[in-house]
C-alpha atoms as a PDB file:
ATOM      1  CA  UNK A   1      -7.348  14.900   6.511  1.00  0.00           C
ATOM      2  CA  UNK A   2      -5.568  13.981   3.673  1.00  0.00           C
ATOM      3  CA  UNK A   3      -1.695  14.298   3.852  1.00  0.00           C
ATOM      4  CA  UNK A   4      -0.167  15.611   0.242  1.00  0.00           C
ATOM      5  CA  UNK A   5       3.317  14.116  -1.082  1.00  0.00           C
ATOM      6  CA  UNK A   6       4.649  13.937  -3.857  1.00  0.00           C
ATOM      7  CA  UNK A   7       6.351  10.993  -5.951  1.00  0.00           C
ATOM      8  CA  UNK A   8       8.489  13.123  -8.302  1.00  0.00           C
ATOM      9  CA  UNK A   9      10.798  10.843 -10.538  1.00  0.00           C
ATOM     10  CA  UNK A  10       6.916   9.269 -11.820  1.00  0.00           C
ATOM     11  CA  UNK A  11       5.379  12.089 -11.758  1.00  0.00           C
ATOM     12  CA  UNK A  12       2.336  11.724  -8.872  1.00  0.00           C
ATOM     13  CA  UNK A  13       1.356  14.162  -6.988  1.00  0.00           C
ATOM     14  CA  UNK A  14      -1.192  14.213  -4.026  1.00  0.00           C
ATOM     15  CA  UNK A  15      -2.825  17.356  -2.435  1.00  0.00           C
ATOM     16  CA  UNK A  16      -5.313  17.780   0.135  1.00  0.00           C
ATOM     17  CA  UNK A  17      -8.416  19.987  -1.739  1.00  0.00           C
ATOM     18  CA  UNK A  18     -10.612  20.326   1.074  1.00  0.00           C
ATOM     19  CA  UNK A  19     -11.874  18.320   4.282  1.00  0.00           C
ATOM     20  CA  UNK A  20     -11.895  14.823   3.270  1.00  0.00           C
ATOM     21  CA  UNK A  21     -11.203  15.616  -0.664  1.00  0.00           C
ATOM     22  CA  UNK A  22      -7.912  14.683  -2.415  1.00  0.00           C
ATOM     23  CA  UNK A  23      -6.227  16.408  -5.722  1.00  0.00           C
ATOM     24  CA  UNK A  24      -4.298  14.092  -7.569  1.00  0.00           C
ATOM     25  CA  UNK A  25      -1.858  15.550 -10.630  1.00  0.00           C
ATOM     26  CA  UNK A  26      -0.345  13.162 -12.235  1.00  0.00           C
ATOM     27  CA  UNK A  27       2.609  13.934 -15.146  1.00  0.00           C
ATOM     28  CA  UNK A  28       4.333  10.233 -15.662  1.00  0.00           C
ATOM     29  CA  UNK A  29       5.151   7.984 -18.065  1.00  0.00           C
ATOM     30  CA  UNK A  30       1.849   8.317 -20.024  1.00  0.00           C
ATOM     31  CA  UNK A  31       1.803  11.933 -20.653  1.00  0.00           C
ATOM     32  CA  UNK A  32       5.154  11.599 -21.137  1.00  0.00           C
ATOM     33  CA  UNK A  33       4.243   9.197 -24.067  1.00  0.00           C
ATOM     34  CA  UNK A  34       1.945  11.780 -25.655  1.00  0.00           C
ATOM     35  CA  UNK A  35      -1.284  10.308 -24.403  1.00  0.00           C
ATOM     36  CA  UNK A  36      -4.468  12.067 -25.427  1.00  0.00           C
ATOM     37  CA  UNK A  37      -6.423  11.075 -22.157  1.00  0.00           C
ATOM     38  CA  UNK A  38      -5.387  10.018 -19.050  1.00  0.00           C
ATOM     39  CA  UNK A  39      -7.645   8.083 -16.354  1.00  0.00           C
ATOM     40  CA  UNK A  40      -7.887   7.914 -12.584  1.00  0.00           C
ATOM     41  CA  UNK A  41      -8.557   4.241 -11.737  1.00  0.00           C
ATOM     42  CA  UNK A  42      -8.812   4.169  -7.963  1.00  0.00           C
ATOM     43  CA  UNK A  43     -10.364   1.995  -5.381  1.00  0.00           C
ATOM     44  CA  UNK A  44     -11.131   2.195  -1.615  1.00  0.00           C
ATOM     45  CA  UNK A  45      -9.905   0.403   1.778  1.00  0.00           C
ATOM     46  CA  UNK A  46      -7.203  -2.212   1.721  1.00  0.00           C
ATOM     47  CA  UNK A  47      -4.736  -1.740  -0.998  1.00  0.00           C
ATOM     48  CA  UNK A  48      -4.492  -5.400  -1.414  1.00  0.00           C
ATOM     49  CA  UNK A  49      -8.306  -5.733  -1.600  1.00  0.00           C
ATOM     50  CA  UNK A  50      -9.970  -2.560  -3.774  1.00  0.00           C
ATOM     51  CA  UNK A  51     -13.760  -1.417  -2.961  1.00  0.00           C
ATOM     52  CA  UNK A  52     -15.679   0.948  -5.195  1.00  0.00           C
ATOM     53  CA  UNK A  53     -13.615   0.988  -7.957  1.00  0.00           C
ATOM     54  CA  UNK A  54     -13.690   3.418 -10.473  1.00  0.00           C
ATOM     55  CA  UNK A  55     -12.386   4.838 -13.405  1.00  0.00           C
ATOM     56  CA  UNK A  56     -12.460   8.843 -13.478  1.00  0.00           C
ATOM     57  CA  UNK A  57     -11.300  10.915 -16.702  1.00  0.00           C
ATOM     58  CA  UNK A  58      -8.777  13.421 -16.034  1.00  0.00           C
ATOM     59  CA  UNK A  59      -8.821  16.933 -16.755  1.00  0.00           C
ATOM     60  CA  UNK A  60      -5.625  18.139 -18.427  1.00  0.00           C
ATOM     61  CA  UNK A  61      -3.931  21.485 -16.969  1.00  0.00           C
ATOM     62  CA  UNK A  62      -1.158  23.129 -16.900  1.00  0.00           C
ATOM     63  CA  UNK A  63       0.538  20.971 -14.118  1.00  0.00           C
ATOM     64  CA  UNK A  64      -0.412  17.740 -15.971  1.00  0.00           C
ATOM     65  CA  UNK A  65      -3.719  15.536 -15.714  1.00  0.00           C
ATOM     66  CA  UNK A  66      -5.507  16.447 -12.652  1.00  0.00           C
ATOM     67  CA  UNK A  67      -9.153  14.960 -10.672  1.00  0.00           C
ATOM     68  CA  UNK A  68     -10.331  15.866  -7.834  1.00  0.00           C
ATOM     69  CA  UNK A  69     -12.017  13.372  -5.768  1.00  0.00           C
ATOM     70  CA  UNK A  70     -14.098  12.485  -1.720  1.00  0.00           C
ATOM     71  CA  UNK A  71     -12.305   9.997  -0.284  1.00  0.00           C
ATOM     72  CA  UNK A  72     -14.754   7.301   0.645  1.00  0.00           C
ATOM     73  CA  UNK A  73     -12.561   5.961   3.445  1.00  0.00           C
ATOM     74  CA  UNK A  74      -9.446   7.070   4.700  1.00  0.00           C
ATOM     75  CA  UNK A  75      -7.233   5.070   2.469  1.00  0.00           C
ATOM     76  CA  UNK A  76      -7.551   5.429  -1.517  1.00  0.00           C
ATOM     77  CA  UNK A  77      -5.346   2.973  -4.011  1.00  0.00           C
ATOM     78  CA  UNK A  78      -4.628   4.013  -7.204  1.00  0.00           C
ATOM     79  CA  UNK A  79      -2.743   3.891 -10.493  1.00  0.00           C
ATOM     80  CA  UNK A  80      -3.396   5.589 -14.359  1.00  0.00           C
ATOM     81  CA  UNK A  81      -3.993   4.101 -18.081  1.00  0.00           C
ATOM     82  CA  UNK A  82      -4.898   5.974 -21.037  1.00  0.00           C
ATOM     83  CA  UNK A  83      -7.455   5.394 -23.747  1.00  0.00           C
ATOM     84  CA  UNK A  84      -5.376   2.984 -25.695  1.00  0.00           C
ATOM     85  CA  UNK A  85      -4.970   1.234 -22.599  1.00  0.00           C
ATOM     86  CA  UNK A  86      -1.674   1.777 -21.437  1.00  0.00           C
ATOM     87  CA  UNK A  87      -1.584   1.273 -17.744  1.00  0.00           C
ATOM     88  CA  UNK A  88       1.266   3.207 -15.530  1.00  0.00           C
ATOM     89  CA  UNK A  89       0.593   0.863 -11.965  1.00  0.00           C
ATOM     90  CA  UNK A  90       3.916   1.924 -10.210  1.00  0.00           C
ATOM     91  CA  UNK A  91       5.429  -1.281 -11.546  1.00  0.00           C
ATOM     92  CA  UNK A  92       2.715  -3.071  -9.979  1.00  0.00           C
ATOM     93  CA  UNK A  93       2.356  -1.319  -6.569  1.00  0.00           C
ATOM     94  CA  UNK A  94       0.081   1.536  -7.102  1.00  0.00           C
ATOM     95  CA  UNK A  95       0.052   4.462  -5.372  1.00  0.00           C
ATOM     96  CA  UNK A  96      -1.903   4.812  -1.974  1.00  0.00           C
ATOM     97  CA  UNK A  97      -3.130   7.682   0.177  1.00  0.00           C
ATOM     98  CA  UNK A  98      -3.916   7.593   3.594  1.00  0.00           C
ATOM     99  CA  UNK A  99      -6.907  10.238   5.281  1.00  0.00           C
END
């Protein structure tokens, strides 16, 4: 089961969304700068060597930009980008969620 957490100053929240699913809510720098679309860029396994990397279009909701996806491993690392290819990668540290 995914452990929920929040990085409030950077606008990132992780919530469990079922047995092996995770809901990520983003209201960070890109959202605050008026991004017309935000994408979740994520990979699984070792945070220094991502596997099964994908970029997922997030949905704009009342809480911010959201995406729910299935954990493919016990560790997922992620960051965000907008449609103009601006990135929010937590100052190069990305974010990590563990199941």
